[in-house]
Amino acid sequence: MGRFGTGGSDGPAVTVYWRPGCVFCIKLRTQLRLARIPCRKVDIWRDPEAAAFVRGVADGNETVPTVVVAGHPPMVNPSLARIREALADG
């Protein structure tokens, strides 16, 4: 998946693309922390390439949270359950 893929020995299998002030991002990041699911967090307002990636998978919009689980297609505004399912699928 290139620069925007995750997993392997480099770090967590979950990457969360977010932006400051997004209540949906805050909620999901809190749920991930409470579920003890490690994730890499990418602020799309600080990373133009990440913002372009999100626009590319969210119909041209900067819809966050957008989540990538290694080996799976990007998910726009997924539930914690959906992330867990993707992780369980390996």
N, C-alpha and C. Protein backbone atom coordinates (compact mmCIF):
# COMPACT_ATOMS: atom_id res chain seq x y z
N MET A 1 0.81 -1.20 0.00
CA MET A 1 0.00 0.00 0.00
C MET A 1 0.85 1.26 0.00
N GLY A 2 2.14 1.11 -0.06
CA GLY A 2 3.00 2.28 -0.14
C GLY A 2 3.01 3.10 1.14
N ARG A 3 3.18 4.39 0.97
CA ARG A 3 3.32 5.31 2.09
C ARG A 3 2.12 5.27 3.02
N PHE A 4 0.95 4.97 2.51
CA PHE A 4 -0.27 5.03 3.32
C PHE A 4 -0.73 3.68 3.81
N GLY A 5 0.01 2.62 3.53
CA GLY A 5 -0.29 1.31 4.09
C GLY A 5 0.28 1.22 5.48
N THR A 6 -0.10 0.20 6.21
CA THR A 6 0.40 0.04 7.57
C THR A 6 0.70 -1.42 7.82
N GLY A 7 1.25 -1.65 8.97
CA GLY A 7 1.47 -3.02 9.40
C GLY A 7 2.93 -3.40 9.30
N GLY A 8 3.17 -4.66 9.49
CA GLY A 8 4.53 -5.15 9.46
C GLY A 8 5.27 -4.74 10.71
N SER A 9 6.58 -4.77 10.63
CA SER A 9 7.39 -4.46 11.81
C SER A 9 7.54 -2.96 12.03
N ASP A 10 7.03 -2.14 11.10
CA ASP A 10 7.16 -0.69 11.22
C ASP A 10 6.28 -0.08 12.29
N GLY A 11 5.20 -0.73 12.64
CA GLY A 11 4.30 -0.14 13.62
C GLY A 11 2.94 -0.81 13.60
N PRO A 12 1.95 -0.10 14.14
CA PRO A 12 0.60 -0.67 14.27
C PRO A 12 -0.02 -1.03 12.92
N ALA A 13 -0.94 -1.98 12.96
CA ALA A 13 -1.65 -2.41 11.76
C ALA A 13 -2.79 -1.47 11.41
N VAL A 14 -3.07 -0.48 12.28
CA VAL A 14 -4.18 0.46 12.07
C VAL A 14 -3.62 1.87 11.95
N THR A 15 -4.06 2.57 10.90
CA THR A 15 -3.72 3.98 10.74
C THR A 15 -5.02 4.77 10.71
N VAL A 16 -5.08 5.81 11.54
CA VAL A 16 -6.26 6.67 11.61
C VAL A 16 -5.90 8.04 11.06
N TYR A 17 -6.56 8.44 9.99
CA TYR A 17 -6.41 9.78 9.44
C TYR A 17 -7.47 10.65 10.10
N TRP A 18 -7.05 11.76 10.68
CA TRP A 18 -7.94 12.59 11.48
C TRP A 18 -7.60 14.06 11.26
N ARG A 19 -8.39 14.92 11.87
CA ARG A 19 -8.09 16.36 11.89
C ARG A 19 -8.55 16.92 13.22
N PRO A 20 -7.88 17.97 13.69
CA PRO A 20 -8.27 18.58 14.98
C PRO A 20 -9.71 19.07 14.96
N GLY A 21 -10.39 18.88 16.08
CA GLY A 21 -11.76 19.37 16.24
C GLY A 21 -12.83 18.42 15.75
N CYS A 22 -12.44 17.32 15.12
CA CYS A 22 -13.42 16.35 14.59
C CYS A 22 -13.92 15.47 15.74
N VAL A 23 -15.20 15.62 16.09
CA VAL A 23 -15.75 14.84 17.21
C VAL A 23 -15.80 13.35 16.89
N PHE A 24 -15.99 13.01 15.62
CA PHE A 24 -16.01 11.60 15.23
C PHE A 24 -14.62 10.97 15.40
N CYS A 25 -13.59 11.77 15.10
CA CYS A 25 -12.21 11.31 15.28
C CYS A 25 -11.91 11.12 16.76
N ILE A 26 -12.32 12.06 17.57
CA ILE A 26 -12.09 11.97 19.02
C ILE A 26 -12.76 10.72 19.57
N LYS A 27 -14.00 10.50 19.15
CA LYS A 27 -14.74 9.32 19.63
C LYS A 27 -14.03 8.03 19.23
N LEU A 28 -13.64 7.91 17.96
CA LEU A 28 -13.01 6.68 17.50
C LEU A 28 -11.65 6.48 18.16
N ARG A 29 -10.86 7.52 18.26
CA ARG A 29 -9.54 7.39 18.90
C ARG A 29 -9.68 6.98 20.36
N THR A 30 -10.70 7.50 21.04
CA THR A 30 -10.95 7.10 22.43
C THR A 30 -11.35 5.63 22.49
N GLN A 31 -12.22 5.20 21.58
CA GLN A 31 -12.64 3.80 21.55
C GLN A 31 -11.45 2.87 21.29
N LEU A 32 -10.59 3.26 20.37
CA LEU A 32 -9.41 2.45 20.07
C LEU A 32 -8.49 2.36 21.28
N ARG A 33 -8.31 3.49 21.96
CA ARG A 33 -7.45 3.49 23.16
C ARG A 33 -8.03 2.59 24.25
N LEU A 34 -9.34 2.70 24.50
CA LEU A 34 -9.98 1.89 25.52
C LEU A 34 -9.96 0.40 25.15
N ALA A 35 -10.02 0.10 23.86
CA ALA A 35 -9.97 -1.29 23.39
C ALA A 35 -8.53 -1.79 23.29
N ARG A 36 -7.59 -0.92 23.62
CA ARG A 36 -6.15 -1.26 23.57
C ARG A 36 -5.71 -1.70 22.18
N ILE A 37 -6.24 -1.01 21.17
CA ILE A 37 -5.83 -1.27 19.79
C ILE A 37 -4.87 -0.16 19.40
N PRO A 38 -3.60 -0.48 19.24
CA PRO A 38 -2.63 0.55 18.89
C PRO A 38 -2.87 1.06 17.47
N CYS A 39 -2.63 2.33 17.27
CA CYS A 39 -2.82 2.89 15.95
C CYS A 39 -1.82 4.01 15.69
N ARG A 40 -1.57 4.21 14.44
CA ARG A 40 -0.77 5.35 13.99
C ARG A 40 -1.77 6.44 13.66
N LYS A 41 -1.52 7.66 14.12
CA LYS A 41 -2.44 8.77 13.90
C LYS A 41 -1.80 9.77 12.93
N VAL A 42 -2.55 10.15 11.89
CA VAL A 42 -2.05 11.09 10.90
C VAL A 42 -3.02 12.26 10.80
N ASP A 43 -2.53 13.45 11.13
CA ASP A 43 -3.32 14.68 11.06
C ASP A 43 -3.30 15.18 9.62
N ILE A 44 -4.44 15.13 8.93
CA ILE A 44 -4.48 15.51 7.53
C ILE A 44 -4.28 17.01 7.32
N TRP A 45 -4.43 17.81 8.35
CA TRP A 45 -4.18 19.24 8.22
C TRP A 45 -2.67 19.55 8.27
N ARG A 46 -1.89 18.62 8.77
CA ARG A 46 -0.43 18.79 8.82
C ARG A 46 0.30 18.02 7.73
N ASP A 47 -0.42 17.14 7.05
CA ASP A 47 0.20 16.28 6.05
C ASP A 47 -0.61 16.35 4.75
N PRO A 48 -0.19 17.20 3.81
CA PRO A 48 -0.94 17.36 2.55
C PRO A 48 -1.08 16.06 1.76
N GLU A 49 -0.06 15.20 1.80
CA GLU A 49 -0.16 13.93 1.08
C GLU A 49 -1.23 13.03 1.71
N ALA A 50 -1.32 13.05 3.02
CA ALA A 50 -2.35 12.27 3.71
C ALA A 50 -3.74 12.82 3.37
N ALA A 51 -3.86 14.15 3.32
CA ALA A 51 -5.15 14.76 2.95
C ALA A 51 -5.55 14.34 1.54
N ALA A 52 -4.58 14.30 0.63
CA ALA A 52 -4.87 13.87 -0.75
C ALA A 52 -5.28 12.41 -0.77
N PHE A 53 -4.64 11.58 0.04
CA PHE A 53 -5.01 10.17 0.14
C PHE A 53 -6.46 10.04 0.60
N VAL A 54 -6.83 10.77 1.64
CA VAL A 54 -8.21 10.71 2.17
C VAL A 54 -9.20 11.17 1.10
N ARG A 55 -8.90 12.25 0.40
CA ARG A 55 -9.79 12.71 -0.67
C ARG A 55 -9.94 11.63 -1.74
N GLY A 56 -8.86 10.90 -2.00
CA GLY A 56 -8.88 9.85 -3.02
C GLY A 56 -9.77 8.67 -2.66
N VAL A 57 -9.97 8.43 -1.38
CA VAL A 57 -10.81 7.28 -0.98
C VAL A 57 -12.17 7.72 -0.45
N ALA A 58 -12.39 9.03 -0.33
CA ALA A 58 -13.66 9.54 0.22
C ALA A 58 -14.37 10.45 -0.77
N ASP A 59 -14.39 10.02 -2.02
CA ASP A 59 -15.13 10.74 -3.07
C ASP A 59 -14.77 12.22 -3.15
N GLY A 60 -13.48 12.53 -2.97
CA GLY A 60 -13.02 13.91 -3.10
C GLY A 60 -13.16 14.74 -1.85
N ASN A 61 -13.69 14.16 -0.79
CA ASN A 61 -13.89 14.89 0.46
C ASN A 61 -12.81 14.52 1.47
N GLU A 62 -12.57 15.40 2.41
CA GLU A 62 -11.64 15.11 3.49
C GLU A 62 -12.42 14.56 4.69
N THR A 63 -13.12 13.46 4.46
CA THR A 63 -13.95 12.85 5.48
C THR A 63 -13.08 12.03 6.43
N VAL A 64 -13.14 12.41 7.68
CA VAL A 64 -12.39 11.70 8.72
C VAL A 64 -13.33 11.35 9.86
N PRO A 65 -13.02 10.30 10.60
CA PRO A 65 -11.82 9.51 10.46
C PRO A 65 -11.90 8.58 9.25
N THR A 66 -10.77 8.47 8.58
CA THR A 66 -10.58 7.45 7.57
C THR A 66 -9.54 6.51 8.15
N VAL A 67 -9.80 5.22 8.06
CA VAL A 67 -8.95 4.23 8.73
C VAL A 67 -8.46 3.20 7.72
N VAL A 68 -7.18 2.88 7.84
CA VAL A 68 -6.59 1.81 7.05
C VAL A 68 -6.12 0.73 8.00
N VAL A 69 -6.60 -0.48 7.77
CA VAL A 69 -6.13 -1.66 8.49
C VAL A 69 -5.30 -2.44 7.47
N ALA A 70 -4.08 -2.79 7.84
CA ALA A 70 -3.16 -3.46 6.92
C ALA A 70 -3.85 -4.61 6.19
N GLY A 71 -3.72 -4.59 4.87
CA GLY A 71 -4.29 -5.67 4.06
C GLY A 71 -5.73 -5.49 3.67
N HIS A 72 -6.34 -4.36 4.05
CA HIS A 72 -7.76 -4.11 3.76
C HIS A 72 -7.92 -2.75 3.08
N PRO A 73 -9.00 -2.59 2.32
CA PRO A 73 -9.27 -1.29 1.71
C PRO A 73 -9.53 -0.24 2.80
N PRO A 74 -9.26 1.02 2.50
CA PRO A 74 -9.54 2.09 3.47
C PRO A 74 -11.02 2.13 3.83
N MET A 75 -11.29 2.51 5.08
CA MET A 75 -12.66 2.61 5.58
C MET A 75 -12.91 4.06 6.00
N VAL A 76 -14.00 4.63 5.51
CA VAL A 76 -14.36 6.01 5.85
C VAL A 76 -15.37 5.99 6.99
N ASN A 77 -15.00 6.63 8.09
CA ASN A 77 -15.84 6.73 9.29
C ASN A 77 -16.34 5.37 9.77
N PRO A 78 -15.42 4.42 9.98
CA PRO A 78 -15.85 3.08 10.40
C PRO A 78 -16.18 3.02 11.88
N SER A 79 -16.94 2.01 12.23
CA SER A 79 -17.21 1.74 13.65
C SER A 79 -16.03 0.95 14.22
N LEU A 80 -15.96 0.91 15.53
CA LEU A 80 -14.94 0.10 16.20
C LEU A 80 -15.13 -1.37 15.82
N ALA A 81 -16.37 -1.81 15.74
CA ALA A 81 -16.66 -3.20 15.37
C ALA A 81 -16.11 -3.53 13.98
N ARG A 82 -16.25 -2.62 13.06
CA ARG A 82 -15.74 -2.85 11.70
C ARG A 82 -14.22 -2.95 11.68
N ILE A 83 -13.57 -2.12 12.49
CA ILE A 83 -12.10 -2.17 12.59
C ILE A 83 -11.68 -3.50 13.21
N ARG A 84 -12.38 -3.92 14.27
CA ARG A 84 -12.07 -5.21 14.90
C ARG A 84 -12.23 -6.36 13.91
N GLU A 85 -13.29 -6.32 13.10
CA GLU A 85 -13.51 -7.37 12.09
C GLU A 85 -12.35 -7.41 11.10
N ALA A 86 -11.91 -6.25 10.65
CA ALA A 86 -10.79 -6.20 9.71
C ALA A 86 -9.52 -6.75 10.34
N LEU A 87 -9.28 -6.43 11.60
CA LEU A 87 -8.12 -6.95 12.29
C LEU A 87 -8.20 -8.47 12.46
N ALA A 88 -9.40 -8.96 12.73
CA ALA A 88 -9.59 -10.40 12.92
C ALA A 88 -9.40 -11.16 11.60
N ASP A 89 -9.72 -10.51 10.47
CA ASP A 89 -9.55 -11.13 9.17
C ASP A 89 -8.08 -11.26 8.79
N GLY A 90 -7.24 -10.49 9.49
CA GLY A 90 -5.79 -10.56 9.25
C GLY A 90 -5.43 -9.88 8.03
